[in-house]
Amino acid sequence: MNKLTDGSNLLWESSRVILPEHKERIRISREEARRGGRRERPVLDEQEWERINEAITRSLHDRAEKLYTIAKGRDTHGSIFLPLSE
C-alpha cells in the first residue's frame, strides 16, 4: 500500500522529520513518565533565594496579587495567594 491510497495515515506524514529540540523534549517527557511524572527539584543558590525573597516582599509592599506554589521534595503541597485586600 502506498502513502496516497485510502487507509494510509496521511495525518502523521509530516512527523517523519523531528527537530533535535523536539526529540530532546520527547525523551525528557518519557523519562518523567517512567519516574511517575515527577520532576527533579531545582537546586537554588543564595542569589536565587534572595531574588525570591525580594519578589515576595515587593508584592506584599505593592499589594499586588500573586500566586506562589509551595513544593516539598518533588511534590507540590499547596499554593499561597496574596490578595489585594487587607
C-alpha atoms as a PDB file:
ATOM      1  CA  MET A   1       0.000   0.000   0.000  1.00  0.00           C
ATOM      2  CA  ASN A   2       1.453   3.383  -0.863  1.00  0.00           C
ATOM      3  CA  LYS A   3       1.027   6.588   1.111  1.00  0.00           C
ATOM      4  CA  LEU A   4      -1.675   8.034  -1.107  1.00  0.00           C
ATOM      5  CA  THR A   5      -4.114   5.128  -1.012  1.00  0.00           C
ATOM      6  CA  ASP A   6      -7.131   5.040   1.260  1.00  0.00           C
ATOM      7  CA  GLY A   7      -6.372   3.779   4.721  1.00  0.00           C
ATOM      8  CA  SER A   8      -2.897   5.236   4.987  1.00  0.00           C
ATOM      9  CA  ASN A   9      -2.245   7.677   7.762  1.00  0.00           C
ATOM     10  CA  LEU A  10      -1.595  10.967   5.972  1.00  0.00           C
ATOM     11  CA  LEU A  11      -2.127  12.878   9.189  1.00  0.00           C
ATOM     12  CA  TRP A  12       1.257  11.760  10.513  1.00  0.00           C
ATOM     13  CA  GLU A  13       3.249  12.025   7.289  1.00  0.00           C
ATOM     14  CA  SER A  14       4.846  15.282   8.430  1.00  0.00           C
ATOM     15  CA  SER A  15       6.197  13.648  11.591  1.00  0.00           C
ATOM     16  CA  ARG A  16       8.954  11.890   9.709  1.00  0.00           C
ATOM     17  CA  VAL A  17      11.245  14.840  10.410  1.00  0.00           C
ATOM     18  CA  ILE A  18      11.713  15.672  14.083  1.00  0.00           C
ATOM     19  CA  LEU A  19      13.768  18.656  15.152  1.00  0.00           C
ATOM     20  CA  PRO A  20      16.530  17.911  17.673  1.00  0.00           C
ATOM     21  CA  GLU A  21      14.918  20.089  20.360  1.00  0.00           C
ATOM     22  CA  HIS A  22      11.594  18.266  19.886  1.00  0.00           C
ATOM     23  CA  LYS A  23      13.330  14.906  20.099  1.00  0.00           C
ATOM     24  CA  GLU A  24      15.016  16.002  23.341  1.00  0.00           C
ATOM     25  CA  ARG A  25      11.676  17.131  24.814  1.00  0.00           C
ATOM     26  CA  ILE A  26      10.099  13.783  23.883  1.00  0.00           C
ATOM     27  CA  ARG A  27      12.991  11.984  25.601  1.00  0.00           C
ATOM     28  CA  ILE A  28      12.588  14.107  28.744  1.00  0.00           C
ATOM     29  CA  SER A  29       8.824  13.504  28.796  1.00  0.00           C
ATOM     30  CA  ARG A  30       9.341   9.754  28.551  1.00  0.00           C
ATOM     31  CA  GLU A  31      11.866   9.817  31.402  1.00  0.00           C
ATOM     32  CA  GLU A  32       9.444  11.819  33.563  1.00  0.00           C
ATOM     33  CA  ALA A  33       6.683   9.322  32.795  1.00  0.00           C
ATOM     34  CA  ARG A  34       8.953   6.460  33.893  1.00  0.00           C
ATOM     35  CA  ARG A  35       9.567   8.270  37.192  1.00  0.00           C
ATOM     36  CA  GLY A  36       5.841   8.680  37.760  1.00  0.00           C
ATOM     37  CA  GLY A  37       5.606  12.166  36.271  1.00  0.00           C
ATOM     38  CA  ARG A  38       7.793  13.702  38.940  1.00  0.00           C
ATOM     39  CA  ARG A  39      10.390  16.303  38.095  1.00  0.00           C
ATOM     40  CA  GLU A  40      13.674  16.889  39.841  1.00  0.00           C
ATOM     41  CA  ARG A  41      13.673  19.610  42.465  1.00  0.00           C
ATOM     42  CA  PRO A  42      15.711  22.603  41.305  1.00  0.00           C
ATOM     43  CA  VAL A  43      18.783  23.484  43.331  1.00  0.00           C
ATOM     44  CA  LEU A  44      18.716  27.184  44.201  1.00  0.00           C
ATOM     45  CA  ASP A  45      21.785  29.138  45.167  1.00  0.00           C
ATOM     46  CA  GLU A  46      21.813  32.035  47.639  1.00  0.00           C
ATOM     47  CA  GLN A  47      21.178  34.625  44.904  1.00  0.00           C
ATOM     48  CA  GLU A  48      18.066  32.792  43.680  1.00  0.00           C
ATOM     49  CA  TRP A  49      16.690  32.611  47.226  1.00  0.00           C
ATOM     50  CA  GLU A  50      17.342  36.340  47.602  1.00  0.00           C
ATOM     51  CA  ARG A  51      15.504  37.077  44.329  1.00  0.00           C
ATOM     52  CA  ILE A  52      12.512  35.021  45.503  1.00  0.00           C
ATOM     53  CA  ASN A  53      12.518  36.803  48.861  1.00  0.00           C
ATOM     54  CA  GLU A  54      12.664  40.208  47.153  1.00  0.00           C
ATOM     55  CA  ALA A  55       9.775  39.298  44.824  1.00  0.00           C
ATOM     56  CA  ILE A  56       7.585  38.238  47.758  1.00  0.00           C
ATOM     57  CA  THR A  57       8.499  41.329  49.774  1.00  0.00           C
ATOM     58  CA  ARG A  58       7.849  43.614  46.794  1.00  0.00           C
ATOM     59  CA  SER A  59       4.455  42.022  46.091  1.00  0.00           C
ATOM     60  CA  LEU A  60       3.458  42.430  49.750  1.00  0.00           C
ATOM     61  CA  HIS A  61       4.617  46.045  49.782  1.00  0.00           C
ATOM     62  CA  ASP A  62       2.913  46.895  46.462  1.00  0.00           C
ATOM     63  CA  ARG A  63      -0.187  44.946  47.491  1.00  0.00           C
ATOM     64  CA  ALA A  64      -0.015  43.032  44.218  1.00  0.00           C
ATOM     65  CA  GLU A  65      -1.946  39.823  43.701  1.00  0.00           C
ATOM     66  CA  LYS A  66       0.433  36.890  43.399  1.00  0.00           C
ATOM     67  CA  LEU A  67       0.159  33.117  43.412  1.00  0.00           C
ATOM     68  CA  TYR A  68       3.063  31.126  44.846  1.00  0.00           C
ATOM     69  CA  THR A  69       3.265  27.337  44.695  1.00  0.00           C
ATOM     70  CA  ILE A  70       4.945  25.525  47.559  1.00  0.00           C
ATOM     71  CA  ALA A  71       6.823  22.300  46.884  1.00  0.00           C
ATOM     72  CA  LYS A  72       8.429  19.894  49.296  1.00  0.00           C
ATOM     73  CA  GLY A  73      10.722  17.351  47.775  1.00  0.00           C
ATOM     74  CA  ARG A  74       9.311  16.534  44.381  1.00  0.00           C
ATOM     75  CA  ASP A  75       5.646  17.022  45.302  1.00  0.00           C
ATOM     76  CA  THR A  76       3.564  20.194  45.247  1.00  0.00           C
ATOM     77  CA  HIS A  77       1.967  20.719  48.645  1.00  0.00           C
ATOM     78  CA  GLY A  78      -0.022  23.898  48.242  1.00  0.00           C
ATOM     79  CA  SER A  79      -0.275  27.431  46.998  1.00  0.00           C
ATOM     80  CA  ILE A  80      -0.348  30.839  48.625  1.00  0.00           C
ATOM     81  CA  PHE A  81      -2.467  33.591  47.109  1.00  0.00           C
ATOM     82  CA  LEU A  82      -1.751  37.090  48.319  1.00  0.00           C
ATOM     83  CA  PRO A  83      -4.884  39.180  47.616  1.00  0.00           C
ATOM     84  CA  LEU A  84      -5.069  42.961  47.288  1.00  0.00           C
ATOM     85  CA  SER A  85      -7.393  43.499  50.257  1.00  0.00           C
ATOM     86  CA  GLU A  86      -6.135  43.765  53.824  1.00  0.00           C
END
